[in-house]
């Protein structure tokens, strides 16, 4: 079955995956995801209009978030699970329609007769559903609306997917805002419209960035409210003798529940990938059997998981096709799914994971301890803001570089290592997300006792960088763009897209982006982004460093 997908940085030949995704997604899975997004637009067409007259349904709101998150790269590869979501979407679309019609009746107004995704009907058979999905594909839409329009529609869609991930994490910890749901519905309703103008599309891209900022703010409040503010913490990156469980992904709640259930069972818990920053939260690091971090970024998992002598839990996104060697000891939770892999439900009963860990060999010996530092979120950095400001005024700190984002397999990412290594000793490096694994084990020293490399957390913690930049701008009575601060970002999937849109919404300019530009950003759209925001592709580390410091 043919497909077309260009939502991630690794898209084939920089144009689009057409037979099987570089991520491993097949044509059936891709088509079912397109069907799910189409139906979600239909749900939001009704929910948006209902919200405008004061009616909402939490189940509908939360499902839209879950469905968007499910279609992010490296999340759900299971056609059966996707079909179940599609059937539920049809049911909830009917509920959204009834909600809207009831609200209209109470308000004394007539409901609109909606078309398109609001009335589109899926087939009963999974194979037929997949063929329907091909009719909704990007290439079909491009033939009608053109590449520029569809590219901007996808930019908004991918921004919404990323924002949904942040919102989902916040929801899990009990943080929600009806205005956030209303904006999701309004955006999806806009995407269901025919023949939108380029100006309207660009406007909604920035509104999606505003939504992202709000979502990150909610998530920051949720994480710090539940687990305390991250503290500078030395994290062992070496093995400890004993039975072991490895937790990857992004979900703090899953990690907390697993730590509770493994306490006293003689099992050591390790983080992997984007879970590394969890060691800095007081309410998580209090568990003594959270012993360290194993491995690096998500793209190395097949080799790292193969060598890990215990059970593995994948939370949220970043799963790759499991090798046979660990297929029976890898588990998924949340929205993650791989065909045949045991899934832990919403009750978070991790008994199968624990049993698999006890049955595995575990690490036979302790390794000589090595550590890396994490925990420099906005609370920690702003706690020493006076020292940073004094150092800037004294000339001890010349420039700040934010080097971070998604890591990936595509060639060219050694650029980020080279750039970090070449940053002069009188400059600070801020980093976040799994892109930091390109250089976070290097020794950068300190400036006046402040580490030159400050790990601000997950991609979910981009809000910390925004807070710090805003505070410095306020201290120096200037705009963020006037600070000695340069953003050099790597992207892979849709959460990186929503972070970029958030920065554009905040008016931040001259961002360098790599290792390649998104395939969905057409030359005409890129021209607008360059003219309005100064976005530019990375060159070589030395060229970019020279240009930044000469500015």
Protein backbone atom coordinates (compact mmCIF):
# COMPACT_ATOMS: atom_id res chain seq x y z
CA UNK A 1 0.00 0.00 0.00
CA UNK A 2 1.38 3.39 -0.99
CA UNK A 3 1.71 6.26 1.48
CA UNK A 4 3.07 9.76 1.74
CA UNK A 5 4.50 11.12 4.96
CA UNK A 6 6.92 13.99 5.50
CA UNK A 7 6.27 14.92 9.09
CA UNK A 8 9.71 14.01 10.50
CA UNK A 9 13.27 15.12 9.75
CA UNK A 10 14.32 11.73 8.39
CA UNK A 11 11.74 11.69 5.61
CA UNK A 12 13.08 9.78 2.62
CA UNK A 13 15.33 11.83 0.29
CA UNK A 14 14.13 14.97 2.07
CA UNK A 15 10.85 14.74 0.14
CA UNK A 16 8.56 12.13 1.70
CA UNK A 17 8.29 8.46 2.59
CA UNK A 18 6.17 6.69 -0.03
CA UNK A 19 6.31 2.95 0.67
CA UNK A 20 7.45 2.55 4.26
CA UNK A 21 8.51 5.22 6.69
CA UNK A 22 12.13 5.57 7.75
CA UNK A 23 10.63 5.23 11.25
CA UNK A 24 9.22 1.81 10.32
CA UNK A 25 5.62 2.92 9.80
CA UNK A 26 3.92 1.01 6.99
CA UNK A 27 1.31 2.22 4.53
CA UNK A 28 -1.63 0.80 6.49
CA UNK A 29 -0.57 2.50 9.71
CA UNK A 30 0.04 5.80 7.91
CA UNK A 31 -3.37 5.67 6.23
CA UNK A 32 -5.16 4.86 9.50
CA UNK A 33 -3.45 7.81 11.15
CA UNK A 34 -4.71 10.05 8.34
CA UNK A 35 -8.23 8.71 8.90
CA UNK A 36 -7.98 9.39 12.63
CA UNK A 37 -6.84 12.99 12.09
CA UNK A 38 -9.65 13.53 9.57
CA UNK A 39 -12.24 12.31 12.08
CA UNK A 40 -10.72 14.43 14.84
CA UNK A 41 -11.24 17.48 12.63
CA UNK A 42 -14.89 16.45 12.38
CA UNK A 43 -15.18 16.15 16.15
CA UNK A 44 -13.67 19.59 16.60
CA UNK A 45 -15.95 21.19 14.03
CA UNK A 46 -18.84 20.44 16.39
CA UNK A 47 -16.90 20.93 19.64
CA UNK A 48 -15.62 24.34 18.50
CA UNK A 49 -19.11 25.60 17.82
CA UNK A 50 -20.41 24.13 21.06
CA UNK A 51 -17.62 25.83 23.01
CA UNK A 52 -18.54 29.18 21.49
CA UNK A 53 -21.92 28.95 23.17
CA UNK A 54 -20.58 27.62 26.46
CA UNK A 55 -20.85 23.83 26.07
CA UNK A 56 -17.99 21.35 26.40
CA UNK A 57 -17.47 17.67 27.15
CA UNK A 58 -14.23 16.65 28.93
CA UNK A 59 -14.23 13.20 27.32
CA UNK A 60 -14.33 14.77 23.86
CA UNK A 61 -11.64 17.30 24.76
CA UNK A 62 -9.26 14.70 26.12
CA UNK A 63 -9.81 12.27 23.25
CA UNK A 64 -8.79 14.91 20.70
CA UNK A 65 -5.53 15.38 22.62
CA UNK A 66 -4.92 11.63 22.78
CA UNK A 67 -5.64 11.14 19.07
CA UNK A 68 -3.28 13.92 18.02
CA UNK A 69 -0.52 12.62 20.28
CA UNK A 70 -1.02 9.08 18.97
CA UNK A 71 -0.05 10.14 15.44
CA UNK A 72 3.32 11.69 16.38
CA UNK A 73 6.34 9.94 14.88
CA UNK A 74 7.48 6.83 16.79
CA UNK A 75 4.37 6.51 18.98
CA UNK A 76 1.74 4.10 17.66
CA UNK A 77 2.63 1.48 15.05
CA UNK A 78 -0.28 -0.87 15.80
CA UNK A 79 -3.12 -0.91 13.20
CA UNK A 80 -5.47 -2.68 15.63
CA UNK A 81 -5.03 0.01 18.27
CA UNK A 82 -5.51 2.72 15.64
CA UNK A 83 -8.70 1.09 14.40
CA UNK A 84 -10.03 1.12 17.96
CA UNK A 85 -9.33 4.85 18.20
CA UNK A 86 -11.05 5.44 14.87
CA UNK A 87 -14.21 3.63 16.04
CA UNK A 88 -14.19 5.66 19.23
CA UNK A 89 -13.71 8.85 17.21
CA UNK A 90 -16.88 8.12 15.24
CA UNK A 91 -18.83 7.68 18.47
CA UNK A 92 -17.42 10.86 20.02
CA UNK A 93 -18.10 12.84 16.86
CA UNK A 94 -21.78 11.92 17.26
CA UNK A 95 -21.60 13.01 20.91
CA UNK A 96 -19.99 16.30 19.86
CA UNK A 97 -22.76 16.84 17.31
CA UNK A 98 -25.43 16.19 19.96
CA UNK A 99 -23.63 18.52 22.37
CA UNK A 100 -23.61 21.28 19.78
CA UNK A 101 -27.25 20.79 18.78
CA UNK A 102 -28.39 20.75 22.43
CA UNK A 103 -26.42 23.92 23.14
CA UNK A 104 -28.02 25.59 20.13
CA UNK A 105 -31.48 24.54 21.29
CA UNK A 106 -30.84 26.04 24.74
CA UNK A 107 -29.51 29.23 23.16
CA UNK A 108 -32.47 29.46 20.80
CA UNK A 109 -30.36 29.31 17.64
CA UNK A 110 -30.28 26.95 14.68
CA UNK A 111 -27.20 24.68 14.31
CA UNK A 112 -25.10 24.92 11.17
CA UNK A 113 -25.27 22.10 8.67
CA UNK A 114 -21.67 20.96 8.59
CA UNK A 115 -19.98 18.97 5.85
CA UNK A 116 -16.54 17.48 5.17
CA UNK A 117 -14.94 15.74 8.16
CA UNK A 118 -18.10 16.38 10.19
CA UNK A 119 -20.10 13.87 8.15
CA UNK A 120 -17.41 11.68 6.51
CA UNK A 121 -18.12 8.00 7.14
CA UNK A 122 -15.41 5.36 7.63
CA UNK A 123 -15.66 1.81 6.32
CA UNK A 124 -16.35 -1.12 8.66
CA UNK A 125 -13.34 -3.20 7.58
CA UNK A 126 -9.75 -2.32 8.54
CA UNK A 127 -8.34 -2.86 5.04
CA UNK A 128 -11.10 -0.74 3.53
CA UNK A 129 -10.38 1.93 6.15
CA UNK A 130 -6.75 2.00 5.06
CA UNK A 131 -7.74 2.48 1.41
CA UNK A 132 -10.01 5.33 2.50
CA UNK A 133 -7.04 6.87 4.23
CA UNK A 134 -5.18 7.04 0.93
CA UNK A 135 -7.97 9.28 -0.37
CA UNK A 136 -7.16 11.72 2.45
CA UNK A 137 -3.41 11.73 1.83
CA UNK A 138 -1.18 14.76 1.49
CA UNK A 139 -0.59 14.12 -2.22
CA UNK A 140 -4.33 14.08 -2.94
CA UNK A 141 -4.75 17.37 -1.09
CA UNK A 142 -1.72 18.89 -2.85
CA UNK A 143 -3.35 18.18 -6.21
CA UNK A 144 -6.35 20.27 -5.14
CA UNK A 145 -4.89 23.05 -2.97
CA UNK A 146 -1.22 23.20 -3.96
CA UNK A 147 1.96 22.46 -2.03
CA UNK A 148 2.16 25.83 -0.23
CA UNK A 149 -1.31 25.59 1.30
CA UNK A 150 -0.94 21.94 2.27
CA UNK A 151 2.55 22.54 3.65
CA UNK A 152 1.24 25.27 5.95
CA UNK A 153 -1.74 23.11 6.93
CA UNK A 154 0.69 20.37 7.89
CA UNK A 155 2.90 22.83 9.77
CA UNK A 156 -0.13 23.74 11.90
CA UNK A 157 -1.15 20.09 12.26
CA UNK A 158 2.30 19.06 13.42
CA UNK A 159 2.38 21.98 15.83
CA UNK A 160 -0.95 20.80 17.23
CA UNK A 161 0.40 17.26 17.58
CA UNK A 162 3.36 18.53 19.58
CA UNK A 163 1.20 20.78 21.72
CA UNK A 164 -1.10 17.81 22.34
CA UNK A 165 1.85 15.86 23.75
CA UNK A 166 2.52 18.62 26.29
CA UNK A 167 -1.17 18.90 27.10
CA UNK A 168 -1.47 15.14 27.58
CA UNK A 169 1.41 15.11 30.07
CA UNK A 170 -0.21 17.97 32.00
CA UNK A 171 -3.60 16.22 31.95
CA UNK A 172 -2.08 13.07 33.44
CA UNK A 173 -0.99 15.16 36.41
CA UNK A 174 -4.37 16.88 36.73
CA UNK A 175 -3.57 20.21 35.06
CA UNK A 176 -6.02 21.43 32.43
CA UNK A 177 -7.43 24.63 31.01
CA UNK A 178 -10.68 24.74 29.01
CA UNK A 179 -9.21 27.58 26.91
CA UNK A 180 -6.50 25.22 25.69
CA UNK A 181 -9.06 22.66 24.53
CA UNK A 182 -11.08 25.43 22.88
CA UNK A 183 -8.02 26.53 20.91
CA UNK A 184 -7.32 22.97 19.75
CA UNK A 185 -10.90 22.69 18.50
CA UNK A 186 -10.76 26.08 16.79
CA UNK A 187 -7.50 25.19 15.04
CA UNK A 188 -8.79 21.82 13.83
CA UNK A 189 -12.01 23.45 12.66
CA UNK A 190 -9.88 25.92 10.68
CA UNK A 191 -7.93 23.05 9.13
CA UNK A 192 -11.20 21.50 7.97
CA UNK A 193 -12.05 24.62 5.95
CA UNK A 194 -11.62 24.67 2.20
CA UNK A 195 -9.33 27.09 0.33
CA UNK A 196 -7.76 28.96 3.26
CA UNK A 197 -5.57 31.96 2.44
CA UNK A 198 -1.83 31.87 3.05
CA UNK A 199 -2.16 34.82 5.44
CA UNK A 200 -4.77 32.97 7.50
CA UNK A 201 -2.59 29.86 7.54
CA UNK A 202 0.44 31.80 8.76
CA UNK A 203 -1.75 33.45 11.38
CA UNK A 204 -2.89 30.08 12.67
CA UNK A 205 0.70 28.79 12.70
CA UNK A 206 1.53 31.58 15.16
CA UNK A 207 -1.65 30.91 17.15
CA UNK A 208 -0.49 27.30 17.40
CA UNK A 209 2.78 28.64 18.79
CA UNK A 210 0.81 30.62 21.38
CA UNK A 211 -1.07 27.43 22.26
CA UNK A 212 2.25 25.65 22.67
CA UNK A 213 3.54 28.29 25.10
CA UNK A 214 0.37 27.92 27.18
CA UNK A 215 0.65 24.13 27.08
CA UNK A 216 4.29 24.20 28.19
CA UNK A 217 3.38 26.58 30.99
CA UNK A 218 0.68 24.17 32.19
CA UNK A 219 3.07 21.23 31.98
CA UNK A 220 5.77 23.08 33.91
CA UNK A 221 3.24 23.82 36.65
CA UNK A 222 2.07 20.19 36.61
CA UNK A 223 5.57 18.71 36.84
CA UNK A 224 6.88 21.08 39.48
CA UNK A 225 3.62 20.92 41.43
CA UNK A 226 3.80 17.13 41.60
CA UNK A 227 7.54 16.58 41.92
CA UNK A 228 9.11 19.87 43.02
CA UNK A 229 11.44 22.17 41.12
CA UNK A 230 14.40 20.41 39.47
CA UNK A 231 17.65 20.76 41.40
CA UNK A 232 21.21 20.55 40.03
CA UNK A 233 21.97 16.84 40.38
CA UNK A 234 24.86 14.55 39.46
CA UNK A 235 23.45 11.47 37.69
CA UNK A 236 25.45 8.24 37.44
CA UNK A 237 25.74 6.95 33.89
CA UNK A 238 27.31 3.65 34.92
CA UNK A 239 25.76 0.32 35.88
CA UNK A 240 24.99 -0.88 39.40
CA UNK A 241 25.02 -4.60 40.21
CA UNK A 242 21.53 -6.13 40.38
CA UNK A 243 18.21 -6.64 38.62
CA UNK A 244 17.20 -3.74 36.41
CA UNK A 245 14.38 -1.88 34.65
CA UNK A 246 15.01 0.79 32.01
CA UNK A 247 12.41 3.56 31.49
CA UNK A 248 12.42 5.57 28.26
CA UNK A 249 10.12 8.17 26.75
CA UNK A 250 8.90 11.25 28.61
CA UNK A 251 6.23 10.38 31.18
CA UNK A 252 7.08 11.30 34.78
CA UNK A 253 3.92 9.73 36.22
CA UNK A 254 4.75 6.32 34.75
CA UNK A 255 8.21 6.52 36.29
CA UNK A 256 6.81 7.51 39.67
CA UNK A 257 4.33 4.63 39.74
CA UNK A 258 7.00 2.16 38.65
CA UNK A 259 9.32 3.40 41.42
CA UNK A 260 6.56 2.91 43.98
CA UNK A 261 5.81 -0.61 42.77
CA UNK A 262 9.46 -1.68 42.67
CA UNK A 263 10.47 -0.25 46.04
CA UNK A 264 11.95 -2.98 48.25
CA UNK A 265 11.97 -5.60 45.46
CA UNK A 266 15.72 -5.49 44.81
CA UNK A 267 15.31 -3.92 41.36
CA UNK A 268 17.31 -0.91 40.23
CA UNK A 269 15.58 1.57 37.91
CA UNK A 270 17.45 3.44 35.18
CA UNK A 271 16.30 6.24 32.92
CA UNK A 272 16.98 6.41 29.20
CA UNK A 273 16.72 9.16 26.59
CA UNK A 274 14.42 12.00 27.57
CA UNK A 275 13.82 10.52 31.03
CA UNK A 276 17.30 11.62 32.15
CA UNK A 277 16.05 14.95 33.64
CA UNK A 278 13.75 13.03 36.02
CA UNK A 279 16.73 12.56 38.36
CA UNK A 280 16.58 16.28 39.22
CA UNK A 281 13.03 16.28 40.64
CA UNK A 282 13.06 15.99 44.46
CA UNK A 283 10.00 13.73 44.61
CA UNK A 284 11.52 11.30 42.11
CA UNK A 285 15.16 11.27 43.14
CA UNK A 286 14.16 10.44 46.72
CA UNK A 287 13.76 6.82 45.55
CA UNK A 288 17.15 5.26 46.25
CA UNK A 289 16.66 2.55 43.63
CA UNK A 290 16.51 5.18 40.87
CA UNK A 291 20.21 4.60 40.37
CA UNK A 292 21.19 6.32 37.16
CA UNK A 293 20.84 6.81 33.42
CA UNK A 294 21.69 4.16 30.84
CA UNK A 295 22.51 4.88 27.22
CA UNK A 296 21.80 7.96 25.16
CA UNK A 297 19.17 9.28 22.78
CA UNK A 298 16.25 7.37 21.30
CA UNK A 299 17.85 6.48 17.96
CA UNK A 300 20.44 4.24 19.63
CA UNK A 301 17.88 2.19 21.54
CA UNK A 302 18.01 -0.97 19.43
CA UNK A 303 21.70 -1.42 20.22
CA UNK A 304 21.39 -0.21 23.83
CA UNK A 305 18.25 -2.20 24.67
CA UNK A 306 19.85 -5.29 23.15
CA UNK A 307 22.65 -5.03 25.74
CA UNK A 308 20.48 -4.03 28.69
CA UNK A 309 20.08 -7.09 30.98
CA UNK A 310 16.61 -6.27 32.29
CA UNK A 311 13.07 -5.14 31.44
CA UNK A 312 12.34 -2.02 29.37
CA UNK A 313 9.34 0.30 29.62
CA UNK A 314 8.55 2.69 26.75
CA UNK A 315 6.40 5.65 27.79
CA UNK A 316 5.02 8.22 25.33
CA UNK A 317 6.95 8.42 22.07
CA UNK A 318 10.36 7.36 20.68
CA UNK A 319 9.87 3.59 20.26
CA UNK A 320 11.66 1.78 17.43
CA UNK A 321 11.02 -1.71 16.08
CA UNK A 322 12.16 -4.04 18.88
CA UNK A 323 14.81 -6.63 18.16
CA UNK A 324 13.97 -10.28 18.77
CA UNK A 325 16.59 -10.32 21.54
CA UNK A 326 14.49 -8.08 23.81
CA UNK A 327 11.03 -8.38 22.26
CA UNK A 328 9.76 -10.37 25.24
CA UNK A 329 11.03 -7.92 27.84
CA UNK A 330 9.97 -4.57 26.35
CA UNK A 331 6.63 -3.06 27.39
CA UNK A 332 4.63 0.00 26.34
CA UNK A 333 2.34 2.38 28.21
CA UNK A 334 0.24 5.45 27.50
CA UNK A 335 -0.27 6.14 23.80
CA UNK A 336 2.71 4.01 22.69
CA UNK A 337 2.00 0.79 20.80
CA UNK A 338 3.91 -1.81 18.81
CA UNK A 339 2.15 -4.91 17.43
CA UNK A 340 2.63 -7.87 19.77
CA UNK A 341 4.34 -5.90 22.55
CA UNK A 342 2.63 -6.15 25.97
CA UNK A 343 0.87 -2.90 26.84
CA UNK A 344 0.39 -1.63 30.39
CA UNK A 345 -3.04 -0.02 30.73
CA UNK A 346 -4.22 3.16 32.37
CA UNK A 347 -4.21 1.45 35.78
CA UNK A 348 -0.38 1.47 35.61
CA UNK A 349 -0.06 -2.05 36.99
CA UNK A 350 3.57 -2.74 36.14
CA UNK A 351 3.57 -6.34 37.39
CA UNK A 352 4.56 -7.79 33.98
CA UNK A 353 7.50 -5.37 33.78
CA UNK A 354 8.63 -6.28 37.29
CA UNK A 355 8.34 -10.02 36.61
CA UNK A 356 10.39 -9.66 33.43
CA UNK A 357 13.08 -7.74 35.32
CA UNK A 358 13.28 -10.41 38.02
CA UNK A 359 13.55 -13.14 35.37
CA UNK A 360 16.39 -11.37 33.53
CA UNK A 361 20.04 -11.60 34.57
CA UNK A 362 20.55 -8.00 35.62
CA UNK A 363 23.98 -6.37 35.84
CA UNK A 364 26.60 -8.73 37.26
CA UNK A 365 28.98 -6.07 38.61
CA UNK A 366 29.21 -2.44 39.61
CA UNK A 367 30.97 -0.20 37.11
CA UNK A 368 33.31 2.61 38.22
CA UNK A 369 30.95 5.54 38.71
CA UNK A 370 30.80 8.38 36.21
CA UNK A 371 28.24 11.18 36.40
CA UNK A 372 26.74 14.02 34.38
CA UNK A 373 24.86 17.07 35.66
CA UNK A 374 21.18 17.79 35.11
CA UNK A 375 18.56 19.95 36.81
CA UNK A 376 19.17 23.49 35.53
CA UNK A 377 15.53 24.41 34.97
CA UNK A 378 14.34 28.00 35.19
CA UNK A 379 13.96 27.86 38.97
CA UNK A 380 17.59 26.78 39.48
CA UNK A 381 19.06 29.13 36.87
CA UNK A 382 17.07 32.16 38.04
CA UNK A 383 18.23 31.34 41.56
CA UNK A 384 21.71 32.41 40.48
CA UNK A 385 20.54 35.07 38.02
CA UNK A 386 22.34 37.81 39.97
CA UNK A 387 25.68 36.01 39.50
CA UNK A 388 24.96 35.49 35.80
CA UNK A 389 24.02 39.15 35.32
CA UNK A 390 27.13 40.31 37.18
CA UNK A 391 29.29 37.99 35.07
CA UNK A 392 27.78 39.41 31.87
CA UNK A 393 28.36 42.99 33.01
CA UNK A 394 31.94 42.16 34.01
CA UNK A 395 32.62 40.55 30.63
CA UNK A 396 33.18 37.09 32.11
CA UNK A 397 30.22 35.76 30.09
CA UNK A 398 30.27 36.98 26.50
CA UNK A 399 27.43 35.00 24.91
CA UNK A 400 24.81 32.32 25.49
CA UNK A 401 24.20 29.49 23.05
CA UNK A 402 21.03 27.40 23.28
CA UNK A 403 22.06 24.20 21.51
CA UNK A 404 19.43 21.52 21.74
CA UNK A 405 16.34 19.85 20.37
CA UNK A 406 15.61 16.40 18.98
CA UNK A 407 18.38 13.97 18.16
CA UNK A 408 18.16 11.53 15.29
CA UNK A 409 19.96 9.10 12.98
CA UNK A 410 20.37 11.25 9.89
CA UNK A 411 23.90 12.34 9.03
CA UNK A 412 24.95 15.88 9.82
CA UNK A 413 24.15 15.84 13.52
CA UNK A 414 27.83 15.81 14.45
CA UNK A 415 27.50 19.54 13.72
CA UNK A 416 25.96 20.02 17.18
CA UNK A 417 28.87 18.28 18.88
CA UNK A 418 31.37 20.35 16.91
CA UNK A 419 29.54 23.59 17.67
CA UNK A 420 29.40 22.88 21.41
CA UNK A 421 33.09 21.95 21.45
CA UNK A 422 34.05 25.13 19.59
CA UNK A 423 32.03 27.54 21.72
CA UNK A 424 34.63 29.80 23.42
CA UNK A 425 35.36 29.36 27.12
CA UNK A 426 33.76 32.72 27.99
CA UNK A 427 30.37 31.58 26.63
CA UNK A 428 27.60 29.54 28.27
CA UNK A 429 25.76 26.62 26.65
CA UNK A 430 22.11 25.98 27.48
CA UNK A 431 20.67 22.69 26.29
CA UNK A 432 17.47 20.67 26.44
CA UNK A 433 15.82 17.64 24.85
CA UNK A 434 17.68 14.57 23.61
CA UNK A 435 19.89 16.61 21.29
CA UNK A 436 22.09 17.17 24.34
CA UNK A 437 23.36 13.60 24.11
CA UNK A 438 25.61 14.83 21.30
CA UNK A 439 27.79 16.58 23.90
CA UNK A 440 26.45 16.26 27.46
CA UNK A 441 29.20 13.89 28.60
CA UNK A 442 31.94 16.35 27.67
CA UNK A 443 33.61 18.53 30.31
CA UNK A 444 32.96 22.20 29.63
CA UNK A 445 34.19 23.54 32.96
CA UNK A 446 32.60 26.55 34.63
CA UNK A 447 32.54 30.35 34.71
CA UNK A 448 32.76 31.73 38.22
CA UNK A 449 31.47 28.49 39.68
CA UNK A 450 28.52 28.28 37.29
CA UNK A 451 28.77 25.24 34.96
CA UNK A 452 29.21 26.31 31.34
CA UNK A 453 26.79 23.57 30.23
CA UNK A 454 23.32 23.91 31.77
CA UNK A 455 20.94 21.02 31.04
CA UNK A 456 17.44 22.52 31.25
CA UNK A 457 15.55 19.25 30.84
CA UNK A 458 13.32 17.48 28.33
CA UNK A 459 11.97 18.93 25.09
CA UNK A 460 8.86 19.31 27.26
CA UNK A 461 10.85 21.80 29.36
CA UNK A 462 11.47 24.38 26.63
CA UNK A 463 9.41 26.71 28.83
CA UNK A 464 12.45 26.93 31.14
CA UNK A 465 14.58 28.43 28.38
CA UNK A 466 11.82 30.91 27.59
CA UNK A 467 11.58 31.94 31.25
CA UNK A 468 15.33 32.42 31.60
CA UNK A 469 15.62 34.44 28.39
CA UNK A 470 12.67 36.63 29.40
CA UNK A 471 14.19 37.24 32.85
CA UNK A 472 17.55 38.24 31.39
CA UNK A 473 15.86 40.58 28.92
CA UNK A 474 13.94 42.19 31.78
CA UNK A 475 17.13 42.59 33.83
CA UNK A 476 18.92 44.32 30.98
CA UNK A 477 15.82 46.28 29.94
CA UNK A 478 15.91 45.01 26.37
CA UNK A 479 14.13 42.56 24.12
CA UNK A 480 15.06 38.88 23.94
CA UNK A 481 16.41 39.44 20.43
CA UNK A 482 18.81 42.05 21.84
CA UNK A 483 20.40 39.62 24.30
CA UNK A 484 23.77 37.97 23.61
CA UNK A 485 21.81 34.76 22.99
CA UNK A 486 21.72 32.54 19.90
CA UNK A 487 19.41 29.59 19.32
CA UNK A 488 20.75 26.68 17.31
CA UNK A 489 18.11 23.97 17.22
CA UNK A 490 17.92 20.42 15.93
CA UNK A 491 14.57 18.94 15.06
CA UNK A 492 13.23 15.46 14.43
CA UNK A 493 9.53 15.17 15.21
CA UNK A 494 6.45 17.23 15.90
CA UNK A 495 7.23 18.42 19.42
CA UNK A 496 10.21 20.23 17.95
CA UNK A 497 7.85 21.84 15.44
CA UNK A 498 5.61 23.14 18.21
CA UNK A 499 8.62 24.53 20.10
CA UNK A 500 9.70 26.37 16.96
CA UNK A 501 6.22 27.82 16.51
CA UNK A 502 6.23 28.87 20.17
CA UNK A 503 9.48 30.78 19.64
CA UNK A 504 8.10 32.42 16.51
CA UNK A 505 4.95 33.43 18.36
CA UNK A 506 7.16 35.09 20.99
CA UNK A 507 8.89 37.05 18.24
CA UNK A 508 12.28 35.38 18.62
CA UNK A 509 14.34 35.80 15.47
CA UNK A 510 17.45 34.48 13.74
CA UNK A 511 17.01 30.85 14.84
CA UNK A 512 19.33 28.41 13.15
CA UNK A 513 17.64 25.10 12.34
CA UNK A 514 18.99 21.75 11.22
CA UNK A 515 20.29 19.34 10.27
CA UNK A 516 17.87 19.84 7.36
CA UNK A 517 14.81 21.99 6.88
CA UNK A 518 11.32 20.39 7.01
CA UNK A 519 10.07 18.97 3.72
CA UNK A 520 6.65 20.50 4.39
CA UNK A 521 8.14 24.01 4.43
CA UNK A 522 8.02 24.90 0.73
CA UNK A 523 10.38 27.46 -0.83
CA UNK A 524 7.63 30.10 -0.82
CA UNK A 525 6.84 29.50 2.85
CA UNK A 526 10.54 29.44 3.75
CA UNK A 527 10.95 32.81 2.06
CA UNK A 528 8.26 34.28 4.31
CA UNK A 529 9.81 32.73 7.44
CA UNK A 530 13.24 34.06 6.50
CA UNK A 531 11.93 37.56 5.78
CA UNK A 532 9.76 37.77 8.89
CA UNK A 533 11.77 35.79 11.46
CA UNK A 534 15.26 35.34 10.03
CA UNK A 535 15.09 31.54 10.23
CA UNK A 536 18.12 30.03 8.54
CA UNK A 537 19.51 26.54 7.95
CA UNK A 538 22.72 25.59 9.73
CA UNK A 539 25.98 25.73 7.76
CA UNK A 540 29.20 24.44 9.31
CA UNK A 541 29.86 24.81 13.02
CA UNK A 542 32.77 27.20 12.40
CA UNK A 543 30.86 29.35 9.89
CA UNK A 544 27.87 29.71 12.20
CA UNK A 545 30.01 30.37 15.25
CA UNK A 546 31.98 33.07 13.44
CA UNK A 547 28.77 34.72 12.18
CA UNK A 548 27.10 34.64 15.60
CA UNK A 549 30.04 36.12 17.50
CA UNK A 550 30.68 38.76 14.83
CA UNK A 551 27.11 40.04 14.95
